[in-house]
Amino acid sequence: ELFSPMQQQQQQQPRNRPWKALEAKPAPWECGQTSPAEPRWLPPQVPTRKEHDAESKRQLEHAKKNFIAERCERNLEFAGDAIERRPVKDLRIPHGKPMSLDDMRNILLDKMNKQDNEGKDVMPGFYKIEGRGEDRFFVIKEDSHDKQSDQVTVLQASDPKRELRVPYK
């Protein structure tokens, strides 16, 4: 015969067990000394809108200060090799309002015309260096000749930001 789980459980229990009446106990929330209307603990104090806004503003200012401080610390760290930079020869700092770009171009053009009239080379000299692959054309940087090591600094014609030290020949 097939029995339901409840019937199987009833069959396993002894039948001559004494019957006991159930005891009614009060609910846990009713057994305290306080009445149901009074809570046993104080409710949490919710800040007013003004206090909440002031705390939010304080936290935002604190976050900004931390962010700026961390960024300044990271700026002091240097991840690469140091590169020595020489000061620009005969650099003069202008006083007052800077010149317009057109005025600067005209001054440069006048200097180039003056040098051309004196018979000097106006354009930089391009030099070919053997054994440098496809990038064999370079411009010698002015005042870069080092007499002790007999080397000059050259700028690559295809990428003028790239400088190389090569023997002067």
C-alpha atoms as a PDB file:
ATOM      1  CA  GLU A   1       0.000   0.000   0.000  1.00  0.00           C
ATOM      2  CA  LEU A   2       1.065   3.509  -0.666  1.00  0.00           C
ATOM      3  CA  PHE A   3       0.789   5.977   2.183  1.00  0.00           C
ATOM      4  CA  SER A   4       1.222   9.714   2.238  1.00  0.00           C
ATOM      5  CA  PRO A   5       4.166  11.079   4.295  1.00  0.00           C
ATOM      6  CA  MET A   6       1.761  12.153   7.046  1.00  0.00           C
ATOM      7  CA  GLN A   7       0.233   8.707   7.299  1.00  0.00           C
ATOM      8  CA  GLN A   8       3.675   7.083   7.443  1.00  0.00           C
ATOM      9  CA  GLN A   9       4.668   9.378  10.298  1.00  0.00           C
ATOM     10  CA  GLN A  10       1.503   8.535  12.216  1.00  0.00           C
ATOM     11  CA  GLN A  11       2.161   4.838  11.795  1.00  0.00           C
ATOM     12  CA  GLN A  12       5.688   5.140  13.188  1.00  0.00           C
ATOM     13  CA  GLN A  13       4.606   6.952  16.371  1.00  0.00           C
ATOM     14  CA  PRO A  14       3.390   4.853  19.264  1.00  0.00           C
ATOM     15  CA  ARG A  15      -0.394   4.970  19.668  1.00  0.00           C
ATOM     16  CA  ASN A  16      -0.612   4.748  23.432  1.00  0.00           C
ATOM     17  CA  ARG A  17       1.025   8.090  24.114  1.00  0.00           C
ATOM     18  CA  PRO A  18      -0.619  10.291  26.803  1.00  0.00           C
ATOM     19  CA  TRP A  19      -2.353  13.420  25.567  1.00  0.00           C
ATOM     20  CA  LYS A  20      -1.155  16.825  26.940  1.00  0.00           C
ATOM     21  CA  ALA A  21      -2.927  20.120  26.628  1.00  0.00           C
ATOM     22  CA  LEU A  22      -0.992  22.894  24.900  1.00  0.00           C
ATOM     23  CA  GLU A  23       0.144  25.819  27.025  1.00  0.00           C
ATOM     24  CA  ALA A  24      -0.633  29.280  25.641  1.00  0.00           C
ATOM     25  CA  LYS A  25       2.306  31.640  26.060  1.00  0.00           C
ATOM     26  CA  PRO A  26       2.210  35.400  25.513  1.00  0.00           C
ATOM     27  CA  ALA A  27       3.843  36.800  22.357  1.00  0.00           C
ATOM     28  CA  PRO A  28       7.442  38.015  22.860  1.00  0.00           C
ATOM     29  CA  TRP A  29       6.531  41.608  22.058  1.00  0.00           C
ATOM     30  CA  GLU A  30       3.787  41.593  24.654  1.00  0.00           C
ATOM     31  CA  CYS A  31       5.725  40.158  27.593  1.00  0.00           C
ATOM     32  CA  GLY A  32       7.789  43.286  28.291  1.00  0.00           C
ATOM     33  CA  GLN A  33       7.040  45.854  30.951  1.00  0.00           C
ATOM     34  CA  THR A  34       6.242  48.521  28.374  1.00  0.00           C
ATOM     35  CA  SER A  35       2.955  48.744  26.612  1.00  0.00           C
ATOM     36  CA  PRO A  36       2.802  47.979  22.870  1.00  0.00           C
ATOM     37  CA  ALA A  37       2.572  51.702  22.125  1.00  0.00           C
ATOM     38  CA  GLU A  38       5.942  52.445  23.767  1.00  0.00           C
ATOM     39  CA  PRO A  39       9.055  51.064  22.038  1.00  0.00           C
ATOM     40  CA  ARG A  40      11.695  49.380  24.180  1.00  0.00           C
ATOM     41  CA  TRP A  41      14.487  51.439  22.576  1.00  0.00           C
ATOM     42  CA  LEU A  42      14.677  54.946  21.241  1.00  0.00           C
ATOM     43  CA  PRO A  43      14.220  55.325  17.494  1.00  0.00           C
ATOM     44  CA  PRO A  44      17.339  56.488  15.614  1.00  0.00           C
ATOM     45  CA  GLN A  45      17.718  60.244  15.380  1.00  0.00           C
ATOM     46  CA  VAL A  46      17.446  61.267  11.736  1.00  0.00           C
ATOM     47  CA  PRO A  47      19.458  64.421  10.972  1.00  0.00           C
ATOM     48  CA  THR A  48      17.641  67.437   9.690  1.00  0.00           C
ATOM     49  CA  ARG A  49      18.044  68.462   6.049  1.00  0.00           C
ATOM     50  CA  LYS A  50      20.399  71.265   7.084  1.00  0.00           C
ATOM     51  CA  GLU A  51      22.598  68.886   9.129  1.00  0.00           C
ATOM     52  CA  HIS A  52      22.577  66.346   6.300  1.00  0.00           C
ATOM     53  CA  ASP A  53      23.633  68.982   3.724  1.00  0.00           C
ATOM     54  CA  ALA A  54      26.376  70.265   6.036  1.00  0.00           C
ATOM     55  CA  GLU A  55      27.755  66.729   6.539  1.00  0.00           C
ATOM     56  CA  SER A  56      27.613  66.026   2.781  1.00  0.00           C
ATOM     57  CA  LYS A  57      29.486  69.256   2.070  1.00  0.00           C
ATOM     58  CA  ARG A  58      32.122  68.419   4.718  1.00  0.00           C
ATOM     59  CA  GLN A  59      32.638  64.935   3.208  1.00  0.00           C
ATOM     60  CA  LEU A  60      32.906  66.404  -0.310  1.00  0.00           C
ATOM     61  CA  GLU A  61      35.534  68.936   0.796  1.00  0.00           C
ATOM     62  CA  HIS A  62      37.473  66.172   2.561  1.00  0.00           C
ATOM     63  CA  ALA A  63      37.370  64.005  -0.596  1.00  0.00           C
ATOM     64  CA  LYS A  64      38.591  66.933  -2.749  1.00  0.00           C
ATOM     65  CA  LYS A  65      41.490  67.637  -0.371  1.00  0.00           C
ATOM     66  CA  ASN A  66      42.505  63.955  -0.384  1.00  0.00           C
ATOM     67  CA  PHE A  67      42.276  63.770  -4.182  1.00  0.00           C
ATOM     68  CA  ILE A  68      44.396  66.891  -4.667  1.00  0.00           C
ATOM     69  CA  ALA A  69      46.965  65.722  -2.093  1.00  0.00           C
ATOM     70  CA  GLU A  70      47.287  62.302  -3.791  1.00  0.00           C
ATOM     71  CA  ARG A  71      47.589  63.911  -7.225  1.00  0.00           C
ATOM     72  CA  CYS A  72      50.354  66.231  -5.965  1.00  0.00           C
ATOM     73  CA  GLU A  73      52.205  63.250  -4.468  1.00  0.00           C
ATOM     74  CA  ARG A  74      51.932  61.344  -7.757  1.00  0.00           C
ATOM     75  CA  ASN A  75      53.335  64.356  -9.643  1.00  0.00           C
ATOM     76  CA  LEU A  76      56.489  64.168  -7.524  1.00  0.00           C
ATOM     77  CA  GLU A  77      57.087  60.565  -8.553  1.00  0.00           C
ATOM     78  CA  PHE A  78      59.064  60.185 -11.773  1.00  0.00           C
ATOM     79  CA  ALA A  79      58.696  56.940 -13.692  1.00  0.00           C
ATOM     80  CA  GLY A  80      61.389  57.472 -16.354  1.00  0.00           C
ATOM     81  CA  ASP A  81      65.033  58.393 -16.649  1.00  0.00           C
ATOM     82  CA  ALA A  82      66.020  61.981 -15.986  1.00  0.00           C
ATOM     83  CA  ILE A  83      66.974  64.037 -19.037  1.00  0.00           C
ATOM     84  CA  GLU A  84      69.303  66.961 -18.584  1.00  0.00           C
ATOM     85  CA  ARG A  85      68.127  70.126 -20.297  1.00  0.00           C
ATOM     86  CA  ARG A  86      70.488  73.005 -20.907  1.00  0.00           C
ATOM     87  CA  PRO A  87      69.237  76.572 -20.602  1.00  0.00           C
ATOM     88  CA  VAL A  88      68.420  78.319 -23.867  1.00  0.00           C
ATOM     89  CA  LYS A  89      71.329  80.453 -25.019  1.00  0.00           C
ATOM     90  CA  ASP A  90      70.672  84.222 -24.851  1.00  0.00           C
ATOM     91  CA  LEU A  91      67.121  83.799 -23.603  1.00  0.00           C
ATOM     92  CA  ARG A  92      65.451  87.069 -22.729  1.00  0.00           C
ATOM     93  CA  ILE A  93      62.115  87.159 -20.979  1.00  0.00           C
ATOM     94  CA  PRO A  94      59.834  89.787 -22.520  1.00  0.00           C
ATOM     95  CA  HIS A  95      58.225  92.369 -20.286  1.00  0.00           C
ATOM     96  CA  GLY A  96      54.628  93.402 -20.806  1.00  0.00           C
ATOM     97  CA  LYS A  97      52.215  92.121 -23.416  1.00  0.00           C
ATOM     98  CA  PRO A  98      53.623  89.425 -25.782  1.00  0.00           C
ATOM     99  CA  MET A  99      54.064  90.170 -29.486  1.00  0.00           C
ATOM    100  CA  SER A 100      51.549  88.912 -31.985  1.00  0.00           C
ATOM    101  CA  LEU A 101      52.473  85.917 -34.103  1.00  0.00           C
ATOM    102  CA  ASP A 102      52.512  88.014 -37.275  1.00  0.00           C
ATOM    103  CA  ASP A 103      54.999  90.469 -35.730  1.00  0.00           C
ATOM    104  CA  MET A 104      57.271  87.594 -34.681  1.00  0.00           C
ATOM    105  CA  ARG A 105      57.107  86.120 -38.194  1.00  0.00           C
ATOM    106  CA  ASN A 106      58.035  89.484 -39.717  1.00  0.00           C
ATOM    107  CA  ILE A 107      61.032  89.865 -37.369  1.00  0.00           C
ATOM    108  CA  LEU A 108      62.235  86.355 -38.258  1.00  0.00           C
ATOM    109  CA  LEU A 109      61.773  87.035 -41.968  1.00  0.00           C
ATOM    110  CA  ASP A 110      63.780  90.290 -41.646  1.00  0.00           C
ATOM    111  CA  LYS A 111      66.627  88.414 -39.885  1.00  0.00           C
ATOM    112  CA  MET A 112      66.629  85.727 -42.586  1.00  0.00           C
ATOM    113  CA  ASN A 113      66.679  88.359 -45.354  1.00  0.00           C
ATOM    114  CA  LYS A 114      69.535  90.169 -43.622  1.00  0.00           C
ATOM    115  CA  GLN A 115      71.583  86.935 -43.363  1.00  0.00           C
ATOM    116  CA  ASP A 116      70.782  86.091 -46.987  1.00  0.00           C
ATOM    117  CA  ASN A 117      71.994  89.534 -48.106  1.00  0.00           C
ATOM    118  CA  GLU A 118      75.249  88.995 -46.167  1.00  0.00           C
ATOM    119  CA  GLY A 119      75.783  85.678 -48.003  1.00  0.00           C
ATOM    120  CA  LYS A 120      75.165  83.427 -44.992  1.00  0.00           C
ATOM    121  CA  ASP A 121      73.125  80.233 -45.178  1.00  0.00           C
ATOM    122  CA  VAL A 122      69.557  80.837 -44.081  1.00  0.00           C
ATOM    123  CA  MET A 123      68.261  77.279 -44.242  1.00  0.00           C
ATOM    124  CA  PRO A 124      69.602  74.621 -41.882  1.00  0.00           C
ATOM    125  CA  GLY A 125      72.017  72.159 -43.377  1.00  0.00           C
ATOM    126  CA  PHE A 126      70.768  68.622 -43.928  1.00  0.00           C
ATOM    127  CA  TYR A 127      73.393  65.935 -43.493  1.00  0.00           C
ATOM    128  CA  LYS A 128      73.401  62.315 -44.453  1.00  0.00           C
ATOM    129  CA  ILE A 129      74.709  59.824 -41.898  1.00  0.00           C
ATOM    130  CA  GLU A 130      75.667  56.418 -43.250  1.00  0.00           C
ATOM    131  CA  GLY A 131      74.522  53.280 -41.433  1.00  0.00           C
ATOM    132  CA  ARG A 132      71.360  54.781 -39.956  1.00  0.00           C
ATOM    133  CA  GLY A 133      68.816  52.871 -42.088  1.00  0.00           C
ATOM    134  CA  GLU A 134      65.968  54.812 -43.674  1.00  0.00           C
ATOM    135  CA  ASP A 135      66.354  57.823 -41.350  1.00  0.00           C
ATOM    136  CA  ARG A 136      69.731  58.920 -42.663  1.00  0.00           C
ATOM    137  CA  PHE A 137      69.020  62.646 -42.978  1.00  0.00           C
ATOM    138  CA  PHE A 138      69.691  64.873 -39.990  1.00  0.00           C
ATOM    139  CA  VAL A 139      70.093  68.540 -39.041  1.00  0.00           C
ATOM    140  CA  ILE A 140      73.017  69.512 -36.803  1.00  0.00           C
ATOM    141  CA  LYS A 141      71.848  71.439 -33.769  1.00  0.00           C
ATOM    142  CA  GLU A 142      73.566  74.803 -33.346  1.00  0.00           C
ATOM    143  CA  ASP A 143      76.168  75.097 -30.578  1.00  0.00           C
ATOM    144  CA  SER A 144      76.003  71.366 -29.807  1.00  0.00           C
ATOM    145  CA  HIS A 145      79.613  70.479 -30.661  1.00  0.00           C
ATOM    146  CA  ASP A 146      81.365  68.946 -27.651  1.00  0.00           C
ATOM    147  CA  LYS A 147      85.119  69.329 -28.165  1.00  0.00           C
ATOM    148  CA  GLN A 148      86.093  66.802 -25.473  1.00  0.00           C
ATOM    149  CA  SER A 149      84.108  63.896 -26.906  1.00  0.00           C
ATOM    150  CA  ASP A 150      84.147  65.314 -30.460  1.00  0.00           C
ATOM    151  CA  GLN A 151      80.385  64.746 -30.829  1.00  0.00           C
ATOM    152  CA  VAL A 152      77.439  66.828 -32.009  1.00  0.00           C
ATOM    153  CA  THR A 153      73.711  66.667 -31.366  1.00  0.00           C
ATOM    154  CA  VAL A 154      71.632  66.046 -34.468  1.00  0.00           C
ATOM    155  CA  LEU A 155      67.876  66.174 -35.027  1.00  0.00           C
ATOM    156  CA  GLN A 156      66.251  63.554 -37.175  1.00  0.00           C
ATOM    157  CA  ALA A 157      64.734  65.167 -40.305  1.00  0.00           C
ATOM    158  CA  SER A 158      61.646  62.916 -40.212  1.00  0.00           C
ATOM    159  CA  ASP A 159      61.103  63.450 -36.443  1.00  0.00           C
ATOM    160  CA  PRO A 160      62.717  66.674 -35.128  1.00  0.00           C
ATOM    161  CA  LYS A 161      61.818  65.816 -31.531  1.00  0.00           C
ATOM    162  CA  ARG A 162      64.283  62.923 -31.608  1.00  0.00           C
ATOM    163  CA  GLU A 163      67.841  63.959 -30.747  1.00  0.00           C
ATOM    164  CA  LEU A 164      70.962  61.845 -31.175  1.00  0.00           C
ATOM    165  CA  ARG A 165      74.605  62.315 -30.215  1.00  0.00           C
ATOM    166  CA  VAL A 166      76.905  61.298 -33.099  1.00  0.00           C
ATOM    167  CA  PRO A 167      80.647  61.649 -33.705  1.00  0.00           C
ATOM    168  CA  TYR A 168      81.591  64.849 -35.518  1.00  0.00           C
ATOM    169  CA  LYS A 169      83.351  64.019 -38.798  1.00  0.00           C
END
